mmCIF file of all heavy atoms, coordinates in Angstrom:
data_MODEL
# 
_entry.id   MODEL 
# 
loop_
_atom_site.group_PDB 
_atom_site.id 
_atom_site.type_symbol 
_atom_site.label_atom_id 
_atom_site.label_alt_id 
_atom_site.label_comp_id 
_atom_site.label_asym_id 
_atom_site.label_entity_id 
_atom_site.label_seq_id 
_atom_site.pdbx_PDB_ins_code 
_atom_site.Cartn_x 
_atom_site.Cartn_y 
_atom_site.Cartn_z 
_atom_site.occupancy 
_atom_site.B_iso_or_equiv 
_atom_site.pdbx_formal_charge 
_atom_site.auth_seq_id 
_atom_site.auth_comp_id 
_atom_site.auth_asym_id 
_atom_site.auth_atom_id 
_atom_site.pdbx_PDB_model_num 
ATOM 1   N N   . ALA A 1 1  ? 25.452  -11.816 -11.827 1.00 0.00 ? 1  ALA A N   1 
ATOM 2   C CA  . ALA A 1 1  ? 24.398  -10.869 -12.182 1.00 0.00 ? 1  ALA A CA  1 
ATOM 3   C C   . ALA A 1 1  ? 24.135  -9.968  -10.986 1.00 0.00 ? 1  ALA A C   1 
ATOM 4   O O   . ALA A 1 1  ? 24.226  -10.390 -9.829  1.00 0.00 ? 1  ALA A O   1 
ATOM 5   C CB  . ALA A 1 1  ? 23.138  -11.623 -12.562 1.00 0.00 ? 1  ALA A CB  1 
ATOM 6   N N   . PRO A 1 2  ? 23.826  -8.686  -11.253 1.00 0.00 ? 2  PRO A N   1 
ATOM 7   C CA  . PRO A 1 2  ? 23.525  -7.790  -10.125 1.00 0.00 ? 2  PRO A CA  1 
ATOM 8   C C   . PRO A 1 2  ? 22.240  -8.234  -9.429  1.00 0.00 ? 2  PRO A C   1 
ATOM 9   O O   . PRO A 1 2  ? 21.370  -8.852  -10.036 1.00 0.00 ? 2  PRO A O   1 
ATOM 10  C CB  . PRO A 1 2  ? 23.348  -6.423  -10.788 1.00 0.00 ? 2  PRO A CB  1 
ATOM 11  C CG  . PRO A 1 2  ? 23.018  -6.711  -12.206 1.00 0.00 ? 2  PRO A CG  1 
ATOM 12  C CD  . PRO A 1 2  ? 23.692  -8.003  -12.529 1.00 0.00 ? 2  PRO A CD  1 
ATOM 13  N N   . ALA A 1 3  ? 22.161  -7.913  -8.162  1.00 0.00 ? 3  ALA A N   1 
ATOM 14  C CA  . ALA A 1 3  ? 20.986  -8.289  -7.378  1.00 0.00 ? 3  ALA A CA  1 
ATOM 15  C C   . ALA A 1 3  ? 19.766  -7.544  -7.929  1.00 0.00 ? 3  ALA A C   1 
ATOM 16  O O   . ALA A 1 3  ? 19.864  -6.365  -8.287  1.00 0.00 ? 3  ALA A O   1 
ATOM 17  C CB  . ALA A 1 3  ? 21.189  -7.940  -5.914  1.00 0.00 ? 3  ALA A CB  1 
ATOM 18  N N   . PRO A 1 4  ? 18.640  -8.208  -8.026  1.00 0.00 ? 4  PRO A N   1 
ATOM 19  C CA  . PRO A 1 4  ? 17.461  -7.520  -8.566  1.00 0.00 ? 4  PRO A CA  1 
ATOM 20  C C   . PRO A 1 4  ? 16.971  -6.448  -7.604  1.00 0.00 ? 4  PRO A C   1 
ATOM 21  O O   . PRO A 1 4  ? 17.067  -6.590  -6.385  1.00 0.00 ? 4  PRO A O   1 
ATOM 22  C CB  . PRO A 1 4  ? 16.431  -8.638  -8.713  1.00 0.00 ? 4  PRO A CB  1 
ATOM 23  C CG  . PRO A 1 4  ? 16.875  -9.699  -7.767  1.00 0.00 ? 4  PRO A CG  1 
ATOM 24  C CD  . PRO A 1 4  ? 18.366  -9.583  -7.675  1.00 0.00 ? 4  PRO A CD  1 
ATOM 25  N N   . THR A 1 5  ? 16.471  -5.370  -8.197  1.00 0.00 ? 5  THR A N   1 
ATOM 26  C CA  . THR A 1 5  ? 15.936  -4.294  -7.357  1.00 0.00 ? 5  THR A CA  1 
ATOM 27  C C   . THR A 1 5  ? 14.572  -4.721  -6.837  1.00 0.00 ? 5  THR A C   1 
ATOM 28  O O   . THR A 1 5  ? 13.812  -5.384  -7.549  1.00 0.00 ? 5  THR A O   1 
ATOM 29  C CB  . THR A 1 5  ? 15.783  -2.997  -8.177  1.00 0.00 ? 5  THR A CB  1 
ATOM 30  O OG1 . THR A 1 5  ? 14.950  -3.268  -9.299  1.00 0.00 ? 5  THR A OG1 1 
ATOM 31  C CG2 . THR A 1 5  ? 17.129  -2.501  -8.649  1.00 0.00 ? 5  THR A CG2 1 
ATOM 32  N N   . PRO A 1 6  ? 14.250  -4.387  -5.606  1.00 0.00 ? 6  PRO A N   1 
ATOM 33  C CA  . PRO A 1 6  ? 12.955  -4.801  -5.064  1.00 0.00 ? 6  PRO A CA  1 
ATOM 34  C C   . PRO A 1 6  ? 11.813  -4.110  -5.811  1.00 0.00 ? 6  PRO A C   1 
ATOM 35  O O   . PRO A 1 6  ? 11.922  -2.941  -6.178  1.00 0.00 ? 6  PRO A O   1 
ATOM 36  C CB  . PRO A 1 6  ? 13.012  -4.391  -3.595  1.00 0.00 ? 6  PRO A CB  1 
ATOM 37  C CG  . PRO A 1 6  ? 14.067  -3.351  -3.522  1.00 0.00 ? 6  PRO A CG  1 
ATOM 38  C CD  . PRO A 1 6  ? 15.016  -3.624  -4.639  1.00 0.00 ? 6  PRO A CD  1 
ATOM 39  N N   . ARG A 1 7  ? 10.765  -4.848  -6.031  1.00 0.00 ? 7  ARG A N   1 
ATOM 40  C CA  . ARG A 1 7  ? 9.614   -4.274  -6.708  1.00 0.00 ? 7  ARG A CA  1 
ATOM 41  C C   . ARG A 1 7  ? 8.815   -3.424  -5.739  1.00 0.00 ? 7  ARG A C   1 
ATOM 42  O O   . ARG A 1 7  ? 8.674   -3.780  -4.565  1.00 0.00 ? 7  ARG A O   1 
ATOM 43  C CB  . ARG A 1 7  ? 8.726   -5.385  -7.248  1.00 0.00 ? 7  ARG A CB  1 
ATOM 44  C CG  . ARG A 1 7  ? 9.403   -6.162  -8.354  1.00 0.00 ? 7  ARG A CG  1 
ATOM 45  C CD  . ARG A 1 7  ? 8.563   -7.272  -8.846  1.00 0.00 ? 7  ARG A CD  1 
ATOM 46  N NE  . ARG A 1 7  ? 7.228   -6.782  -9.178  1.00 0.00 ? 7  ARG A NE  1 
ATOM 47  C CZ  . ARG A 1 7  ? 6.267   -7.539  -9.692  1.00 0.00 ? 7  ARG A CZ  1 
ATOM 48  N NH1 . ARG A 1 7  ? 6.490   -8.795  -9.917  1.00 0.00 ? 7  ARG A NH1 1 
ATOM 49  N NH2 . ARG A 1 7  ? 5.094   -7.043  -9.970  1.00 0.00 ? 7  ARG A NH2 1 
ATOM 50  N N   . PRO A 1 8  ? 8.282   -2.312  -6.218  1.00 0.00 ? 8  PRO A N   1 
ATOM 51  C CA  . PRO A 1 8  ? 7.473   -1.494  -5.300  1.00 0.00 ? 8  PRO A CA  1 
ATOM 52  C C   . PRO A 1 8  ? 6.192   -2.233  -4.944  1.00 0.00 ? 8  PRO A C   1 
ATOM 53  O O   . PRO A 1 8  ? 5.609   -2.922  -5.773  1.00 0.00 ? 8  PRO A O   1 
ATOM 54  C CB  . PRO A 1 8  ? 7.178   -0.231  -6.103  1.00 0.00 ? 8  PRO A CB  1 
ATOM 55  C CG  . PRO A 1 8  ? 7.365   -0.612  -7.528  1.00 0.00 ? 8  PRO A CG  1 
ATOM 56  C CD  . PRO A 1 8  ? 8.372   -1.707  -7.539  1.00 0.00 ? 8  PRO A CD  1 
ATOM 57  N N   . SER A 1 9  ? 5.797   -2.117  -3.713  1.00 0.00 ? 9  SER A N   1 
ATOM 58  C CA  . SER A 1 9  ? 4.572   -2.780  -3.284  1.00 0.00 ? 9  SER A CA  1 
ATOM 59  C C   . SER A 1 9  ? 3.514   -1.730  -2.980  1.00 0.00 ? 9  SER A C   1 
ATOM 60  O O   . SER A 1 9  ? 3.831   -0.578  -2.655  1.00 0.00 ? 9  SER A O   1 
ATOM 61  C CB  . SER A 1 9  ? 4.831   -3.642  -2.050  1.00 0.00 ? 9  SER A CB  1 
ATOM 62  O OG  . SER A 1 9  ? 5.275   -2.822  -0.994  1.00 0.00 ? 9  SER A OG  1 
ATOM 63  N N   . MET A 1 10 ? 2.300   -2.131  -3.065  1.00 0.00 ? 10 MET A N   1 
ATOM 64  C CA  . MET A 1 10 ? 1.191   -1.210  -2.839  1.00 0.00 ? 10 MET A CA  1 
ATOM 65  C C   . MET A 1 10 ? 0.956   -1.083  -1.343  1.00 0.00 ? 10 MET A C   1 
ATOM 66  O O   . MET A 1 10 ? 0.914   -2.101  -0.640  1.00 0.00 ? 10 MET A O   1 
ATOM 67  C CB  . MET A 1 10 ? -0.048  -1.772  -3.536  1.00 0.00 ? 10 MET A CB  1 
ATOM 68  C CG  . MET A 1 10 ? -1.215  -0.880  -3.536  1.00 0.00 ? 10 MET A CG  1 
ATOM 69  S SD  . MET A 1 10 ? -2.407  -1.605  -4.664  1.00 0.00 ? 10 MET A SD  1 
ATOM 70  C CE  . MET A 1 10 ? -3.295  -0.179  -5.081  1.00 0.00 ? 10 MET A CE  1 
ATOM 71  N N   . PRO A 1 11 ? 0.819   0.140   -0.857  1.00 0.00 ? 11 PRO A N   1 
ATOM 72  C CA  . PRO A 1 11 ? 0.592   0.285   0.581   1.00 0.00 ? 11 PRO A CA  1 
ATOM 73  C C   . PRO A 1 11 ? -0.777  -0.273  0.960   1.00 0.00 ? 11 PRO A C   1 
ATOM 74  O O   . PRO A 1 11 ? -1.757  -0.086  0.262   1.00 0.00 ? 11 PRO A O   1 
ATOM 75  C CB  . PRO A 1 11 ? 0.667   1.793   0.816   1.00 0.00 ? 11 PRO A CB  1 
ATOM 76  C CG  . PRO A 1 11 ? 0.360   2.398   -0.500  1.00 0.00 ? 11 PRO A CG  1 
ATOM 77  C CD  . PRO A 1 11 ? 0.830   1.431   -1.530  1.00 0.00 ? 11 PRO A CD  1 
ATOM 78  N N   . LEU A 1 12 ? -0.812  -0.980  2.066   1.00 0.00 ? 12 LEU A N   1 
ATOM 79  C CA  . LEU A 1 12 ? -2.066  -1.552  2.533   1.00 0.00 ? 12 LEU A CA  1 
ATOM 80  C C   . LEU A 1 12 ? -2.737  -0.604  3.518   1.00 0.00 ? 12 LEU A C   1 
ATOM 81  O O   . LEU A 1 12 ? -2.076  0.143   4.238   1.00 0.00 ? 12 LEU A O   1 
ATOM 82  C CB  . LEU A 1 12 ? -1.811  -2.902  3.208   1.00 0.00 ? 12 LEU A CB  1 
ATOM 83  C CG  . LEU A 1 12 ? -1.225  -3.975  2.304   1.00 0.00 ? 12 LEU A CG  1 
ATOM 84  C CD1 . LEU A 1 12 ? -0.886  -5.203  3.117   1.00 0.00 ? 12 LEU A CD1 1 
ATOM 85  C CD2 . LEU A 1 12 ? -2.209  -4.307  1.207   1.00 0.00 ? 12 LEU A CD2 1 
ATOM 86  N N   . ALA A 1 13 ? -4.047  -0.649  3.528   1.00 0.00 ? 13 ALA A N   1 
ATOM 87  C CA  . ALA A 1 13 ? -4.798  0.215   4.442   1.00 0.00 ? 13 ALA A CA  1 
ATOM 88  C C   . ALA A 1 13 ? -4.642  -0.283  5.873   1.00 0.00 ? 13 ALA A C   1 
ATOM 89  O O   . ALA A 1 13 ? -4.472  -1.475  6.118   1.00 0.00 ? 13 ALA A O   1 
ATOM 90  C CB  . ALA A 1 13 ? -6.260  0.219   4.049   1.00 0.00 ? 13 ALA A CB  1 
ATOM 91  N N   . ASP A 1 14 ? -4.721  0.649   6.806   1.00 0.00 ? 14 ASP A N   1 
ATOM 92  C CA  . ASP A 1 14 ? -4.610  0.301   8.223   1.00 0.00 ? 14 ASP A CA  1 
ATOM 93  C C   . ASP A 1 14 ? -5.916  -0.368  8.651   1.00 0.00 ? 14 ASP A C   1 
ATOM 94  O O   . ASP A 1 14 ? -6.987  0.222   8.541   1.00 0.00 ? 14 ASP A O   1 
ATOM 95  C CB  . ASP A 1 14 ? -4.356  1.570   9.034   1.00 0.00 ? 14 ASP A CB  1 
ATOM 96  C CG  . ASP A 1 14 ? -4.146  1.278   10.504  1.00 0.00 ? 14 ASP A CG  1 
ATOM 97  O OD1 . ASP A 1 14 ? -3.844  0.098   10.819  1.00 0.00 ? 14 ASP A OD1 1 
ATOM 98  O OD2 . ASP A 1 14 ? -4.269  2.192   11.321  1.00 0.00 ? 14 ASP A OD2 1 
ATOM 99  N N   . PRO A 1 15 ? -5.847  -1.616  9.113   1.00 0.00 ? 15 PRO A N   1 
ATOM 100 C CA  . PRO A 1 15 ? -7.096  -2.300  9.461   1.00 0.00 ? 15 PRO A CA  1 
ATOM 101 C C   . PRO A 1 15 ? -7.779  -1.733  10.695  1.00 0.00 ? 15 PRO A C   1 
ATOM 102 O O   . PRO A 1 15 ? -8.956  -2.003  10.937  1.00 0.00 ? 15 PRO A O   1 
ATOM 103 C CB  . PRO A 1 15 ? -6.659  -3.738  9.704   1.00 0.00 ? 15 PRO A CB  1 
ATOM 104 C CG  . PRO A 1 15 ? -5.196  -3.718  9.883   1.00 0.00 ? 15 PRO A CG  1 
ATOM 105 C CD  . PRO A 1 15 ? -4.691  -2.464  9.249   1.00 0.00 ? 15 PRO A CD  1 
ATOM 106 N N   . SER A 1 16 ? -7.092  -0.908  11.480  1.00 0.00 ? 16 SER A N   1 
ATOM 107 C CA  . SER A 1 16 ? -7.725  -0.378  12.696  1.00 0.00 ? 16 SER A CA  1 
ATOM 108 C C   . SER A 1 16 ? -8.703  0.742   12.367  1.00 0.00 ? 16 SER A C   1 
ATOM 109 O O   . SER A 1 16 ? -9.616  1.003   13.144  1.00 0.00 ? 16 SER A O   1 
ATOM 110 C CB  . SER A 1 16 ? -6.663  0.119   13.675  1.00 0.00 ? 16 SER A CB  1 
ATOM 111 O OG  . SER A 1 16 ? -5.939  1.177   13.080  1.00 0.00 ? 16 SER A OG  1 
ATOM 112 N N   . THR A 1 17 ? -8.538  1.422   11.234  1.00 0.00 ? 17 THR A N   1 
ATOM 113 C CA  . THR A 1 17 ? -9.476  2.497   10.899  1.00 0.00 ? 17 THR A CA  1 
ATOM 114 C C   . THR A 1 17 ? -10.687 1.891   10.199  1.00 0.00 ? 17 THR A C   1 
ATOM 115 O O   . THR A 1 17 ? -10.560 0.946   9.437   1.00 0.00 ? 17 THR A O   1 
ATOM 116 C CB  . THR A 1 17 ? -8.821  3.532   9.961   1.00 0.00 ? 17 THR A CB  1 
ATOM 117 O OG1 . THR A 1 17 ? -8.393  2.870   8.786   1.00 0.00 ? 17 THR A OG1 1 
ATOM 118 C CG2 . THR A 1 17 ? -7.658  4.210   10.624  1.00 0.00 ? 17 THR A CG2 1 
ATOM 119 N N   . PRO A 1 18 ? -11.891 2.418   10.464  1.00 0.00 ? 18 PRO A N   1 
ATOM 120 C CA  . PRO A 1 18 ? -13.082 1.883   9.813   1.00 0.00 ? 18 PRO A CA  1 
ATOM 121 C C   . PRO A 1 18 ? -13.031 2.136   8.304   1.00 0.00 ? 18 PRO A C   1 
ATOM 122 O O   . PRO A 1 18 ? -12.406 3.072   7.833   1.00 0.00 ? 18 PRO A O   1 
ATOM 123 C CB  . PRO A 1 18 ? -14.238 2.625   10.462  1.00 0.00 ? 18 PRO A CB  1 
ATOM 124 C CG  . PRO A 1 18 ? -13.652 3.790   11.135  1.00 0.00 ? 18 PRO A CG  1 
ATOM 125 C CD  . PRO A 1 18 ? -12.200 3.482   11.391  1.00 0.00 ? 18 PRO A CD  1 
ATOM 126 N N   . ARG A 1 19 ? -13.715 1.316   7.609   1.00 0.00 ? 19 ARG A N   1 
ATOM 127 C CA  . ARG A 1 19 ? -13.655 1.365   6.149   1.00 0.00 ? 19 ARG A CA  1 
ATOM 128 C C   . ARG A 1 19 ? -14.201 2.685   5.609   1.00 0.00 ? 19 ARG A C   1 
ATOM 129 O O   . ARG A 1 19 ? -13.687 3.233   4.655   1.00 0.00 ? 19 ARG A O   1 
ATOM 130 C CB  . ARG A 1 19 ? -14.457 0.198   5.580   1.00 0.00 ? 19 ARG A CB  1 
ATOM 131 C CG  . ARG A 1 19 ? -14.487 0.177   4.091   1.00 0.00 ? 19 ARG A CG  1 
ATOM 132 C CD  . ARG A 1 19 ? -14.978 -1.104  3.608   1.00 0.00 ? 19 ARG A CD  1 
ATOM 133 N NE  . ARG A 1 19 ? -13.888 -1.595  2.778   1.00 0.00 ? 19 ARG A NE  1 
ATOM 134 C CZ  . ARG A 1 19 ? -13.923 -2.630  2.000   1.00 0.00 ? 19 ARG A CZ  1 
ATOM 135 N NH1 . ARG A 1 19 ? -14.971 -3.366  1.987   1.00 0.00 ? 19 ARG A NH1 1 
ATOM 136 N NH2 . ARG A 1 19 ? -12.917 -2.968  1.279   1.00 0.00 ? 19 ARG A NH2 1 
ATOM 137 N N   . ALA A 1 20 ? -15.230 3.197   6.195   1.00 0.00 ? 20 ALA A N   1 
ATOM 138 C CA  . ALA A 1 20 ? -15.826 4.435   5.716   1.00 0.00 ? 20 ALA A CA  1 
ATOM 139 C C   . ALA A 1 20 ? -14.876 5.603   5.904   1.00 0.00 ? 20 ALA A C   1 
ATOM 140 O O   . ALA A 1 20 ? -14.896 6.568   5.155   1.00 0.00 ? 20 ALA A O   1 
ATOM 141 C CB  . ALA A 1 20 ? -17.135 4.710   6.435   1.00 0.00 ? 20 ALA A CB  1 
ATOM 142 N N   . GLY A 1 21 ? -14.006 5.526   6.908   1.00 0.00 ? 21 GLY A N   1 
ATOM 143 C CA  . GLY A 1 21 ? -13.112 6.645   7.188   1.00 0.00 ? 21 GLY A CA  1 
ATOM 144 C C   . GLY A 1 21 ? -11.821 6.596   6.397   1.00 0.00 ? 21 GLY A C   1 
ATOM 145 O O   . GLY A 1 21 ? -11.055 7.563   6.393   1.00 0.00 ? 21 GLY A O   1 
ATOM 146 N N   . ARG A 1 22 ? -11.562 5.541   5.731   1.00 0.00 ? 22 ARG A N   1 
ATOM 147 C CA  . ARG A 1 22 ? -10.320 5.419   4.971   1.00 0.00 ? 22 ARG A CA  1 
ATOM 148 C C   . ARG A 1 22 ? -10.372 6.277   3.721   1.00 0.00 ? 22 ARG A C   1 
ATOM 149 O O   . ARG A 1 22 ? -11.395 6.410   3.084   1.00 0.00 ? 22 ARG A O   1 
ATOM 150 C CB  . ARG A 1 22 ? -10.084 3.973   4.543   1.00 0.00 ? 22 ARG A CB  1 
ATOM 151 C CG  . ARG A 1 22 ? -9.807  3.051   5.667   1.00 0.00 ? 22 ARG A CG  1 
ATOM 152 C CD  . ARG A 1 22 ? -9.508  1.674   5.114   1.00 0.00 ? 22 ARG A CD  1 
ATOM 153 N NE  . ARG A 1 22 ? -9.614  0.691   6.174   1.00 0.00 ? 22 ARG A NE  1 
ATOM 154 C CZ  . ARG A 1 22 ? -9.834  -0.577  6.001   1.00 0.00 ? 22 ARG A CZ  1 
ATOM 155 N NH1 . ARG A 1 22 ? -9.975  -1.061  4.792   1.00 0.00 ? 22 ARG A NH1 1 
ATOM 156 N NH2 . ARG A 1 22 ? -9.901  -1.396  7.013   1.00 0.00 ? 22 ARG A NH2 1 
ATOM 157 N N   . ARG A 1 23 ? -9.229  6.799   3.387   1.00 0.00 ? 23 ARG A N   1 
ATOM 158 C CA  . ARG A 1 23 ? -9.131  7.528   2.132   1.00 0.00 ? 23 ARG A CA  1 
ATOM 159 C C   . ARG A 1 23 ? -8.730  6.533   1.052   1.00 0.00 ? 23 ARG A C   1 
ATOM 160 O O   . ARG A 1 23 ? -8.053  5.555   1.313   1.00 0.00 ? 23 ARG A O   1 
ATOM 161 C CB  . ARG A 1 23 ? -8.081  8.616   2.244   1.00 0.00 ? 23 ARG A CB  1 
ATOM 162 C CG  . ARG A 1 23 ? -8.510  9.725   3.192   1.00 0.00 ? 23 ARG A CG  1 
ATOM 163 C CD  . ARG A 1 23 ? -7.548  10.836  3.179   1.00 0.00 ? 23 ARG A CD  1 
ATOM 164 N NE  . ARG A 1 23 ? -7.293  11.219  1.774   1.00 0.00 ? 23 ARG A NE  1 
ATOM 165 C CZ  . ARG A 1 23 ? -6.725  12.336  1.405   1.00 0.00 ? 23 ARG A CZ  1 
ATOM 166 N NH1 . ARG A 1 23 ? -6.333  13.171  2.319   1.00 0.00 ? 23 ARG A NH1 1 
ATOM 167 N NH2 . ARG A 1 23 ? -6.515  12.613  0.159   1.00 0.00 ? 23 ARG A NH2 1 
ATOM 168 N N   . SER A 1 24 ? -9.142  6.819   -0.128  1.00 0.00 ? 24 SER A N   1 
ATOM 169 C CA  . SER A 1 24 ? -8.840  5.926   -1.230  1.00 0.00 ? 24 SER A CA  1 
ATOM 170 C C   . SER A 1 24 ? -7.359  6.000   -1.569  1.00 0.00 ? 24 SER A C   1 
ATOM 171 O O   . SER A 1 24 ? -6.712  7.036   -1.421  1.00 0.00 ? 24 SER A O   1 
ATOM 172 C CB  . SER A 1 24 ? -9.666  6.333   -2.453  1.00 0.00 ? 24 SER A CB  1 
ATOM 173 O OG  . SER A 1 24 ? -9.251  5.593   -3.573  1.00 0.00 ? 24 SER A OG  1 
ATOM 174 N N   . LEU A 1 25 ? -6.808  4.887   -2.023  1.00 0.00 ? 25 LEU A N   1 
ATOM 175 C CA  . LEU A 1 25 ? -5.417  4.875   -2.467  1.00 0.00 ? 25 LEU A CA  1 
ATOM 176 C C   . LEU A 1 25 ? -5.254  5.585   -3.806  1.00 0.00 ? 25 LEU A C   1 
ATOM 177 O O   . LEU A 1 25 ? -4.175  6.033   -4.152  1.00 0.00 ? 25 LEU A O   1 
ATOM 178 C CB  . LEU A 1 25 ? -4.921  3.430   -2.602  1.00 0.00 ? 25 LEU A CB  1 
ATOM 179 C CG  . LEU A 1 25 ? -4.847  2.646   -1.313  1.00 0.00 ? 25 LEU A CG  1 
ATOM 180 C CD1 . LEU A 1 25 ? -4.476  1.210   -1.614  1.00 0.00 ? 25 LEU A CD1 1 
ATOM 181 C CD2 . LEU A 1 25 ? -3.817  3.277   -0.398  1.00 0.00 ? 25 LEU A CD2 1 
ATOM 182 N N   . PHE A 1 26 ? -6.356  5.657   -4.546  1.00 0.00 ? 26 PHE A N   1 
ATOM 183 C CA  . PHE A 1 26 ? -6.305  6.278   -5.857  1.00 0.00 ? 26 PHE A CA  1 
ATOM 184 C C   . PHE A 1 26 ? -7.059  7.592   -5.821  1.00 0.00 ? 26 PHE A C   1 
ATOM 185 O O   . PHE A 1 26 ? -8.128  7.685   -5.228  1.00 0.00 ? 26 PHE A O   1 
ATOM 186 C CB  . PHE A 1 26 ? -6.914  5.338   -6.904  1.00 0.00 ? 26 PHE A CB  1 
ATOM 187 C CG  . PHE A 1 26 ? -6.223  4.020   -6.955  1.00 0.00 ? 26 PHE A CG  1 
ATOM 188 C CD1 . PHE A 1 26 ? -6.784  2.906   -6.368  1.00 0.00 ? 26 PHE A CD1 1 
ATOM 189 C CD2 . PHE A 1 26 ? -4.979  3.897   -7.565  1.00 0.00 ? 26 PHE A CD2 1 
ATOM 190 C CE1 . PHE A 1 26 ? -6.138  1.692   -6.409  1.00 0.00 ? 26 PHE A CE1 1 
ATOM 191 C CE2 . PHE A 1 26 ? -4.331  2.686   -7.606  1.00 0.00 ? 26 PHE A CE2 1 
ATOM 192 C CZ  . PHE A 1 26 ? -4.909  1.589   -7.022  1.00 0.00 ? 26 PHE A CZ  1 
ATOM 193 N N   . PRO A 1 27 ? -6.542  8.614   -6.473  1.00 0.00 ? 27 PRO A N   1 
ATOM 194 C CA  . PRO A 1 27 ? -7.242  9.902   -6.447  1.00 0.00 ? 27 PRO A CA  1 
ATOM 195 C C   . PRO A 1 27 ? -8.534  9.830   -7.255  1.00 0.00 ? 27 PRO A C   1 
ATOM 196 O O   . PRO A 1 27 ? -8.674  9.029   -8.164  1.00 0.00 ? 27 PRO A O   1 
ATOM 197 C CB  . PRO A 1 27 ? -6.245  10.842  -7.093  1.00 0.00 ? 27 PRO A CB  1 
ATOM 198 C CG  . PRO A 1 27 ? -5.396  9.987   -7.946  1.00 0.00 ? 27 PRO A CG  1 
ATOM 199 C CD  . PRO A 1 27 ? -5.309  8.665   -7.249  1.00 0.00 ? 27 PRO A CD  1 
# 
């Protein structure tokens, strides 16, 4: 069987930036 394609993963927020300054992952 062909090798399975990797599933896309959700990008994680950078923990060094404060939460208030982060942009949302969703528009």
